[in-house]
Amino acid sequence: MTDQMRFIPAELQIRAGDTVKLVVRNAGKGLHELVIGTKAELDAHAALMVKFPDMAHSEPYMTHVKPGKSDQLIWTFNRVGEFEFACLLPGHYQAGMVGKIKVSAPSTPKP
C-alpha cells in the first residue's frame, strides 16, 4: 500500500478453494487498510466510512496497517467471481485505492 493511494500488485488471480495468505505492507506515512469484498459491499462500506470516519471495525476479511508496518490476512476464496480489495478510509477509496481479485474455477485433477 502506498500514499499514492495504490496497491501493488493491483490485481490478483486465485482459484476457488485456495486459501491465500496476503502479506500487506504499508509503505506510506499514513494509516491504510485492506478490505476484501464485492464492489457493492465495498461501495456501501466506503459510504459509511465517509459518514462515520472514526467508526471502529474489525472483521476477518480486513486488516488495518500502520505506516511502515506489515500485517497479514488469511482468506479462503470459496466461490468463482470478481471481487475487490480496497482501503476504505475516507478519501482513499474515492482516490482509487482499490484492486481486483479474479477467482477462477478450481483445477480439475488429471485422471
N, C-alpha and C. Protein backbone atom coordinates (compact mmCIF):
# COMPACT_ATOMS: atom_id res chain seq x y z
N MET A 1 0.85 -1.18 0.00
CA MET A 1 0.00 0.00 0.00
C MET A 1 0.89 1.24 0.00
N THR A 2 0.48 2.25 -0.75
CA THR A 2 1.27 3.47 -0.82
C THR A 2 0.39 4.69 -0.56
N ASP A 3 1.06 5.80 -0.25
CA ASP A 3 0.34 7.06 -0.06
C ASP A 3 -0.11 7.67 -1.38
N GLN A 4 0.26 7.04 -2.50
CA GLN A 4 -0.26 7.46 -3.80
C GLN A 4 -1.61 6.80 -4.04
N MET A 5 -2.15 6.18 -2.98
CA MET A 5 -3.47 5.53 -3.00
C MET A 5 -3.52 4.39 -4.00
N ARG A 6 -2.50 3.54 -3.93
CA ARG A 6 -2.42 2.39 -4.82
C ARG A 6 -2.00 1.15 -4.05
N PHE A 7 -2.39 0.00 -4.57
CA PHE A 7 -1.93 -1.29 -4.10
C PHE A 7 -0.99 -1.86 -5.16
N ILE A 8 0.06 -2.49 -4.74
CA ILE A 8 0.99 -3.15 -5.65
C ILE A 8 1.17 -4.57 -5.15
N PRO A 9 0.75 -5.58 -5.93
CA PRO A 9 0.07 -5.51 -7.22
C PRO A 9 -1.39 -5.07 -7.05
N ALA A 10 -1.97 -4.65 -8.14
CA ALA A 10 -3.35 -4.16 -8.13
C ALA A 10 -4.34 -5.22 -8.59
N GLU A 11 -3.84 -6.38 -8.97
CA GLU A 11 -4.74 -7.46 -9.40
C GLU A 11 -4.18 -8.81 -8.95
N LEU A 12 -5.08 -9.66 -8.46
CA LEU A 12 -4.70 -11.00 -8.03
C LEU A 12 -5.54 -12.02 -8.77
N GLN A 13 -4.92 -13.13 -9.15
CA GLN A 13 -5.61 -14.25 -9.80
C GLN A 13 -5.54 -15.43 -8.85
N ILE A 14 -6.70 -15.95 -8.47
CA ILE A 14 -6.77 -17.02 -7.47
C ILE A 14 -7.76 -18.06 -7.96
N ARG A 15 -7.57 -19.31 -7.56
CA ARG A 15 -8.51 -20.38 -7.89
C ARG A 15 -9.45 -20.61 -6.72
N ALA A 16 -10.71 -20.84 -7.01
CA ALA A 16 -11.70 -21.13 -5.97
C ALA A 16 -11.23 -22.32 -5.16
N GLY A 17 -11.38 -22.22 -3.85
CA GLY A 17 -10.94 -23.26 -2.95
C GLY A 17 -9.56 -23.02 -2.36
N ASP A 18 -8.80 -22.10 -2.97
CA ASP A 18 -7.46 -21.79 -2.46
C ASP A 18 -7.55 -20.93 -1.21
N THR A 19 -6.69 -21.24 -0.25
CA THR A 19 -6.52 -20.39 0.92
C THR A 19 -5.24 -19.60 0.69
N VAL A 20 -5.35 -18.28 0.80
CA VAL A 20 -4.25 -17.39 0.46
C VAL A 20 -3.86 -16.57 1.68
N LYS A 21 -2.56 -16.42 1.90
CA LYS A 21 -2.08 -15.50 2.93
C LYS A 21 -1.61 -14.24 2.22
N LEU A 22 -2.32 -13.16 2.43
CA LEU A 22 -1.94 -11.88 1.86
C LEU A 22 -1.08 -11.15 2.89
N VAL A 23 0.16 -10.87 2.54
CA VAL A 23 1.03 -10.09 3.41
C VAL A 23 0.90 -8.65 2.93
N VAL A 24 0.39 -7.81 3.81
CA VAL A 24 0.05 -6.44 3.46
C VAL A 24 1.06 -5.50 4.12
N ARG A 25 1.81 -4.78 3.29
CA ARG A 25 2.83 -3.86 3.81
C ARG A 25 2.42 -2.44 3.48
N ASN A 26 2.44 -1.58 4.49
CA ASN A 26 2.12 -0.17 4.30
C ASN A 26 3.43 0.59 4.12
N ALA A 27 3.72 0.95 2.88
CA ALA A 27 4.93 1.70 2.57
C ALA A 27 4.72 3.20 2.72
N GLY A 28 3.53 3.59 3.15
CA GLY A 28 3.23 5.01 3.26
C GLY A 28 3.49 5.59 4.64
N LYS A 29 3.10 6.85 4.79
CA LYS A 29 3.27 7.56 6.06
C LYS A 29 1.96 7.72 6.81
N GLY A 30 0.88 7.22 6.22
CA GLY A 30 -0.44 7.29 6.86
C GLY A 30 -1.02 5.90 7.02
N LEU A 31 -2.04 5.78 7.85
CA LEU A 31 -2.73 4.52 8.05
C LEU A 31 -3.45 4.10 6.77
N HIS A 32 -3.40 2.81 6.48
CA HIS A 32 -4.15 2.24 5.36
C HIS A 32 -4.78 0.94 5.83
N GLU A 33 -5.75 0.47 5.06
CA GLU A 33 -6.36 -0.82 5.36
C GLU A 33 -6.59 -1.58 4.07
N LEU A 34 -6.81 -2.88 4.22
CA LEU A 34 -7.18 -3.72 3.09
C LEU A 34 -8.45 -4.45 3.50
N VAL A 35 -9.49 -4.27 2.69
CA VAL A 35 -10.78 -4.90 2.92
C VAL A 35 -11.16 -5.65 1.65
N ILE A 36 -11.55 -6.92 1.79
CA ILE A 36 -11.97 -7.75 0.65
C ILE A 36 -13.49 -7.78 0.58
N GLY A 37 -14.05 -7.67 -0.63
CA GLY A 37 -15.50 -7.77 -0.80
C GLY A 37 -15.89 -7.61 -2.25
N THR A 38 -17.18 -7.60 -2.48
CA THR A 38 -17.69 -7.29 -3.82
C THR A 38 -17.68 -5.78 -3.99
N LYS A 39 -17.79 -5.32 -5.20
CA LYS A 39 -17.82 -3.87 -5.44
C LYS A 39 -18.98 -3.24 -4.68
N ALA A 40 -20.15 -3.87 -4.70
CA ALA A 40 -21.31 -3.32 -4.00
C ALA A 40 -21.06 -3.24 -2.49
N GLU A 41 -20.46 -4.28 -1.92
CA GLU A 41 -20.16 -4.28 -0.48
C GLU A 41 -19.17 -3.17 -0.12
N LEU A 42 -18.14 -3.03 -0.94
CA LEU A 42 -17.13 -2.01 -0.67
C LEU A 42 -17.69 -0.60 -0.86
N ASP A 43 -18.54 -0.41 -1.88
CA ASP A 43 -19.18 0.89 -2.08
C ASP A 43 -20.01 1.28 -0.85
N ALA A 44 -20.79 0.34 -0.33
CA ALA A 44 -21.63 0.61 0.83
C ALA A 44 -20.79 0.90 2.07
N HIS A 45 -19.74 0.11 2.28
CA HIS A 45 -18.88 0.31 3.45
C HIS A 45 -18.14 1.65 3.34
N ALA A 46 -17.67 1.99 2.14
CA ALA A 46 -16.97 3.26 1.94
C ALA A 46 -17.88 4.44 2.25
N ALA A 47 -19.15 4.35 1.85
CA ALA A 47 -20.10 5.42 2.14
C ALA A 47 -20.30 5.59 3.64
N LEU A 48 -20.35 4.48 4.37
CA LEU A 48 -20.46 4.55 5.83
C LEU A 48 -19.22 5.19 6.45
N MET A 49 -18.06 4.86 5.91
CA MET A 49 -16.81 5.42 6.44
C MET A 49 -16.75 6.93 6.24
N VAL A 50 -17.33 7.43 5.16
CA VAL A 50 -17.36 8.88 4.94
C VAL A 50 -18.26 9.53 6.00
N LYS A 51 -19.40 8.90 6.30
CA LYS A 51 -20.32 9.45 7.30
C LYS A 51 -19.78 9.32 8.72
N PHE A 52 -19.08 8.21 8.98
CA PHE A 52 -18.58 7.91 10.33
C PHE A 52 -17.09 7.58 10.26
N PRO A 53 -16.23 8.60 10.04
CA PRO A 53 -14.81 8.34 9.80
C PRO A 53 -14.07 7.68 10.97
N ASP A 54 -14.60 7.81 12.17
CA ASP A 54 -13.94 7.19 13.33
C ASP A 54 -14.55 5.84 13.69
N MET A 55 -15.35 5.30 12.78
CA MET A 55 -16.01 4.03 13.03
C MET A 55 -14.97 2.93 13.24
N ALA A 56 -15.09 2.25 14.36
CA ALA A 56 -14.18 1.13 14.64
C ALA A 56 -14.79 -0.14 14.06
N HIS A 57 -13.98 -0.91 13.37
CA HIS A 57 -14.46 -2.16 12.80
C HIS A 57 -13.28 -3.11 12.62
N SER A 58 -13.59 -4.36 12.80
CA SER A 58 -12.58 -5.40 12.64
C SER A 58 -13.30 -6.68 12.24
N GLU A 59 -13.00 -7.14 11.07
CA GLU A 59 -13.62 -8.34 10.51
C GLU A 59 -12.52 -9.23 9.95
N PRO A 60 -12.79 -10.52 9.76
CA PRO A 60 -11.74 -11.41 9.24
C PRO A 60 -11.30 -11.10 7.81
N TYR A 61 -12.09 -10.33 7.07
CA TYR A 61 -11.76 -10.00 5.68
C TYR A 61 -11.10 -8.63 5.56
N MET A 62 -10.57 -8.10 6.66
CA MET A 62 -9.92 -6.79 6.62
C MET A 62 -8.72 -6.74 7.56
N THR A 63 -7.81 -5.83 7.25
CA THR A 63 -6.70 -5.55 8.15
C THR A 63 -6.33 -4.08 8.06
N HIS A 64 -5.98 -3.50 9.19
CA HIS A 64 -5.53 -2.11 9.27
C HIS A 64 -4.02 -2.15 9.49
N VAL A 65 -3.29 -1.36 8.72
CA VAL A 65 -1.83 -1.41 8.80
C VAL A 65 -1.27 0.00 9.02
N LYS A 66 -0.55 0.13 10.12
CA LYS A 66 0.07 1.42 10.45
C LYS A 66 1.23 1.70 9.50
N PRO A 67 1.61 2.98 9.37
CA PRO A 67 2.72 3.34 8.48
C PRO A 67 3.99 2.56 8.78
N GLY A 68 4.63 2.05 7.72
CA GLY A 68 5.88 1.33 7.86
C GLY A 68 5.75 -0.08 8.43
N LYS A 69 4.54 -0.53 8.67
CA LYS A 69 4.30 -1.84 9.27
C LYS A 69 3.70 -2.80 8.24
N SER A 70 3.64 -4.07 8.64
CA SER A 70 3.03 -5.12 7.82
C SER A 70 2.03 -5.88 8.67
N ASP A 71 1.10 -6.51 8.01
CA ASP A 71 0.15 -7.41 8.65
C ASP A 71 -0.20 -8.47 7.62
N GLN A 72 -0.97 -9.45 8.04
CA GLN A 72 -1.38 -10.48 7.09
C GLN A 72 -2.86 -10.78 7.25
N LEU A 73 -3.41 -11.26 6.17
CA LEU A 73 -4.81 -11.64 6.13
C LEU A 73 -4.85 -13.00 5.45
N ILE A 74 -5.45 -13.97 6.09
CA ILE A 74 -5.58 -15.31 5.50
C ILE A 74 -7.05 -15.51 5.14
N TRP A 75 -7.27 -15.86 3.88
CA TRP A 75 -8.64 -15.96 3.39
C TRP A 75 -8.78 -17.13 2.43
N THR A 76 -9.88 -17.87 2.56
CA THR A 76 -10.19 -18.94 1.62
C THR A 76 -11.22 -18.40 0.63
N PHE A 77 -10.88 -18.44 -0.62
CA PHE A 77 -11.78 -17.96 -1.68
C PHE A 77 -12.64 -19.14 -2.11
N ASN A 78 -13.89 -19.14 -1.68
CA ASN A 78 -14.74 -20.31 -1.85
C ASN A 78 -15.72 -20.21 -3.01
N ARG A 79 -15.64 -19.15 -3.79
CA ARG A 79 -16.53 -19.08 -4.96
C ARG A 79 -15.87 -18.32 -6.10
N VAL A 80 -16.26 -18.69 -7.30
CA VAL A 80 -15.76 -18.09 -8.52
C VAL A 80 -16.39 -16.71 -8.68
N GLY A 81 -15.63 -15.76 -9.20
CA GLY A 81 -16.17 -14.44 -9.47
C GLY A 81 -15.12 -13.36 -9.42
N GLU A 82 -15.58 -12.13 -9.56
CA GLU A 82 -14.69 -10.98 -9.48
C GLU A 82 -14.99 -10.24 -8.19
N PHE A 83 -13.93 -9.98 -7.44
CA PHE A 83 -14.04 -9.30 -6.16
C PHE A 83 -13.03 -8.16 -6.16
N GLU A 84 -13.05 -7.39 -5.10
CA GLU A 84 -12.11 -6.28 -5.00
C GLU A 84 -11.49 -6.28 -3.61
N PHE A 85 -10.37 -5.58 -3.50
CA PHE A 85 -9.80 -5.25 -2.21
C PHE A 85 -9.57 -3.75 -2.24
N ALA A 86 -9.76 -3.10 -1.10
CA ALA A 86 -9.70 -1.64 -1.10
C ALA A 86 -9.33 -1.12 0.27
N CYS A 87 -8.87 0.12 0.27
CA CYS A 87 -8.69 0.87 1.50
C CYS A 87 -9.92 1.77 1.60
N LEU A 88 -10.70 1.57 2.66
CA LEU A 88 -11.97 2.29 2.79
C LEU A 88 -11.88 3.48 3.74
N LEU A 89 -10.66 3.86 4.13
CA LEU A 89 -10.53 5.07 4.94
C LEU A 89 -11.04 6.24 4.11
N PRO A 90 -11.71 7.22 4.73
CA PRO A 90 -12.29 8.32 3.97
C PRO A 90 -11.29 8.97 3.01
N GLY A 91 -11.70 9.06 1.75
CA GLY A 91 -10.90 9.66 0.70
C GLY A 91 -10.00 8.68 -0.03
N HIS A 92 -9.61 7.59 0.58
CA HIS A 92 -8.69 6.64 -0.04
C HIS A 92 -9.38 5.85 -1.16
N TYR A 93 -10.54 5.29 -0.86
CA TYR A 93 -11.30 4.54 -1.86
C TYR A 93 -11.69 5.46 -3.02
N GLN A 94 -12.13 6.66 -2.66
CA GLN A 94 -12.56 7.63 -3.66
C GLN A 94 -11.39 8.06 -4.56
N ALA A 95 -10.15 7.97 -4.05
CA ALA A 95 -8.96 8.33 -4.83
C ALA A 95 -8.47 7.16 -5.68
N GLY A 96 -9.15 6.02 -5.60
CA GLY A 96 -8.79 4.89 -6.45
C GLY A 96 -7.96 3.82 -5.78
N MET A 97 -7.94 3.82 -4.44
CA MET A 97 -7.16 2.80 -3.74
C MET A 97 -7.96 1.51 -3.69
N VAL A 98 -7.93 0.82 -4.81
CA VAL A 98 -8.71 -0.41 -4.99
C VAL A 98 -7.98 -1.35 -5.94
N GLY A 99 -8.13 -2.64 -5.70
CA GLY A 99 -7.55 -3.65 -6.57
C GLY A 99 -8.58 -4.71 -6.91
N LYS A 100 -8.25 -5.57 -7.84
CA LYS A 100 -9.17 -6.61 -8.32
C LYS A 100 -8.68 -7.99 -7.90
N ILE A 101 -9.63 -8.85 -7.61
CA ILE A 101 -9.35 -10.27 -7.35
C ILE A 101 -10.22 -11.07 -8.31
N LYS A 102 -9.59 -11.85 -9.16
CA LYS A 102 -10.32 -12.71 -10.08
C LYS A 102 -10.18 -14.14 -9.59
N VAL A 103 -11.31 -14.73 -9.21
CA VAL A 103 -11.31 -16.09 -8.69
C VAL A 103 -11.88 -17.00 -9.78
N SER A 104 -11.03 -17.91 -10.25
CA SER A 104 -11.43 -18.82 -11.32
C SER A 104 -11.81 -20.18 -10.74
N ALA A 105 -12.39 -21.01 -11.58
CA ALA A 105 -12.79 -22.36 -11.16
C ALA A 105 -11.56 -23.14 -10.73
N PRO A 106 -11.74 -24.05 -9.77
CA PRO A 106 -10.59 -24.85 -9.34
C PRO A 106 -10.10 -25.76 -10.46
N SER A 107 -8.83 -26.13 -10.39
CA SER A 107 -8.26 -27.05 -11.37
C SER A 107 -8.93 -28.41 -11.19
N THR A 108 -9.12 -29.08 -12.29
CA THR A 108 -9.65 -30.44 -12.20
C THR A 108 -8.47 -31.40 -12.23
N PRO A 109 -8.43 -32.33 -11.28
CA PRO A 109 -7.31 -33.26 -11.26
C PRO A 109 -7.30 -34.15 -12.50
N LYS A 110 -6.11 -34.48 -12.95
CA LYS A 110 -5.97 -35.36 -14.12
C LYS A 110 -6.20 -36.80 -13.68
N PRO A 111 -6.96 -37.58 -14.49
CA PRO A 111 -7.22 -38.97 -14.13
C PRO A 111 -5.98 -39.84 -14.16
